[in-house]
Amino acid sequence: MKVEIDRDGCIGCGVCADICPDVFKLAEDGLSEVVSSPDGHEDAVEDAADSCPVEVIHTT
């Protein structure tokens, strides 16, 4: 699995980092970023993508 965040649309709510802190975190600019491979965390990454209020987390 590959995961990306469209940071231009991110509102920095932090739900992705709350759901899957091993893969997502809030950067210093207040927006979410991917910090590690989603390997082993696929279900949590999908939950984070489904929970994103602005739908900016994309998986392939």
C-alpha atoms as a PDB file:
ATOM      1  CA  MET A   1       0.000   0.000   0.000  1.00  0.00           C
ATOM      2  CA  LYS A   2       1.045   3.550  -0.716  1.00  0.00           C
ATOM      3  CA  VAL A   3      -0.452   6.503   1.146  1.00  0.00           C
ATOM      4  CA  GLU A   4      -0.344  10.205   0.317  1.00  0.00           C
ATOM      5  CA  ILE A   5      -1.888  13.336   1.774  1.00  0.00           C
ATOM      6  CA  ASP A   6      -2.968  16.256  -0.383  1.00  0.00           C
ATOM      7  CA  ARG A   7      -1.565  18.821   2.030  1.00  0.00           C
ATOM      8  CA  ASP A   8      -3.066  21.699   0.005  1.00  0.00           C
ATOM      9  CA  GLY A   9      -6.501  20.549   1.154  1.00  0.00           C
ATOM     10  CA  CYS A  10      -5.544  19.443   4.673  1.00  0.00           C
ATOM     11  CA  ILE A  11      -7.177  21.382   7.506  1.00  0.00           C
ATOM     12  CA  GLY A  12      -4.952  19.972  10.252  1.00  0.00           C
ATOM     13  CA  CYS A  13      -7.735  18.402  12.303  1.00  0.00           C
ATOM     14  CA  GLY A  14      -5.401  15.572  13.358  1.00  0.00           C
ATOM     15  CA  VAL A  15      -7.900  12.724  13.096  1.00  0.00           C
ATOM     16  CA  CYS A  16      -5.458  10.692  10.976  1.00  0.00           C
ATOM     17  CA  ALA A  17      -2.705  11.048  13.580  1.00  0.00           C
ATOM     18  CA  ASP A  18      -5.164  10.092  16.324  1.00  0.00           C
ATOM     19  CA  ILE A  19      -6.240   6.958  14.465  1.00  0.00           C
ATOM     20  CA  CYS A  20      -2.828   5.896  13.159  1.00  0.00           C
ATOM     21  CA  PRO A  21       0.064   7.720  14.865  1.00  0.00           C
ATOM     22  CA  ASP A  22       2.589   5.208  13.489  1.00  0.00           C
ATOM     23  CA  VAL A  23       1.978   6.538   9.974  1.00  0.00           C
ATOM     24  CA  PHE A  24       0.643  10.102  10.359  1.00  0.00           C
ATOM     25  CA  LYS A  25       1.573  13.126  12.441  1.00  0.00           C
ATOM     26  CA  LEU A  26       0.887  16.826  12.508  1.00  0.00           C
ATOM     27  CA  ALA A  27       3.894  18.687  11.154  1.00  0.00           C
ATOM     28  CA  GLU A  28       5.217  21.954  12.538  1.00  0.00           C
ATOM     29  CA  ASP A  29       3.051  23.847  10.050  1.00  0.00           C
ATOM     30  CA  GLY A  30      -0.058  22.245  11.597  1.00  0.00           C
ATOM     31  CA  LEU A  31      -0.856  20.020   8.626  1.00  0.00           C
ATOM     32  CA  SER A  32      -0.775  16.251   8.527  1.00  0.00           C
ATOM     33  CA  GLU A  33       2.070  14.354   6.947  1.00  0.00           C
ATOM     34  CA  VAL A  34       3.022  10.741   6.330  1.00  0.00           C
ATOM     35  CA  VAL A  35       5.960   9.801   8.556  1.00  0.00           C
ATOM     36  CA  SER A  36       6.422   6.091   7.898  1.00  0.00           C
ATOM     37  CA  SER A  37       5.404   3.209   5.693  1.00  0.00           C
ATOM     38  CA  PRO A  38       1.855   1.981   6.126  1.00  0.00           C
ATOM     39  CA  ASP A  39       3.072  -1.644   6.086  1.00  0.00           C
ATOM     40  CA  GLY A  40       1.380  -3.482   8.927  1.00  0.00           C
ATOM     41  CA  HIS A  41      -1.026  -0.609   9.521  1.00  0.00           C
ATOM     42  CA  GLU A  42      -3.202  -0.919   6.431  1.00  0.00           C
ATOM     43  CA  ASP A  43      -6.503  -1.180   8.313  1.00  0.00           C
ATOM     44  CA  ALA A  44      -5.730   1.877  10.458  1.00  0.00           C
ATOM     45  CA  VAL A  45      -4.621   3.852   7.388  1.00  0.00           C
ATOM     46  CA  GLU A  46      -7.908   2.998   5.649  1.00  0.00           C
ATOM     47  CA  ASP A  47      -9.810   4.046   8.787  1.00  0.00           C
ATOM     48  CA  ALA A  48      -7.901   7.344   8.821  1.00  0.00           C
ATOM     49  CA  ALA A  49      -8.638   7.950   5.136  1.00  0.00           C
ATOM     50  CA  ASP A  50     -12.330   7.166   5.657  1.00  0.00           C
ATOM     51  CA  SER A  51     -12.455   9.470   8.700  1.00  0.00           C
ATOM     52  CA  CYS A  52     -10.734  12.460   7.077  1.00  0.00           C
ATOM     53  CA  PRO A  53     -13.354  15.234   6.936  1.00  0.00           C
ATOM     54  CA  VAL A  54     -11.815  16.776   3.809  1.00  0.00           C
ATOM     55  CA  GLU A  55     -10.929  13.472   2.091  1.00  0.00           C
ATOM     56  CA  VAL A  56      -7.273  14.316   1.398  1.00  0.00           C
ATOM     57  CA  ILE A  57      -5.748  10.941   2.332  1.00  0.00           C
ATOM     58  CA  HIS A  58      -5.313   8.742  -0.717  1.00  0.00           C
ATOM     59  CA  THR A  59      -4.236   5.102  -0.784  1.00  0.00           C
ATOM     60  CA  THR A  60      -3.227   2.873  -3.651  1.00  0.00           C
END
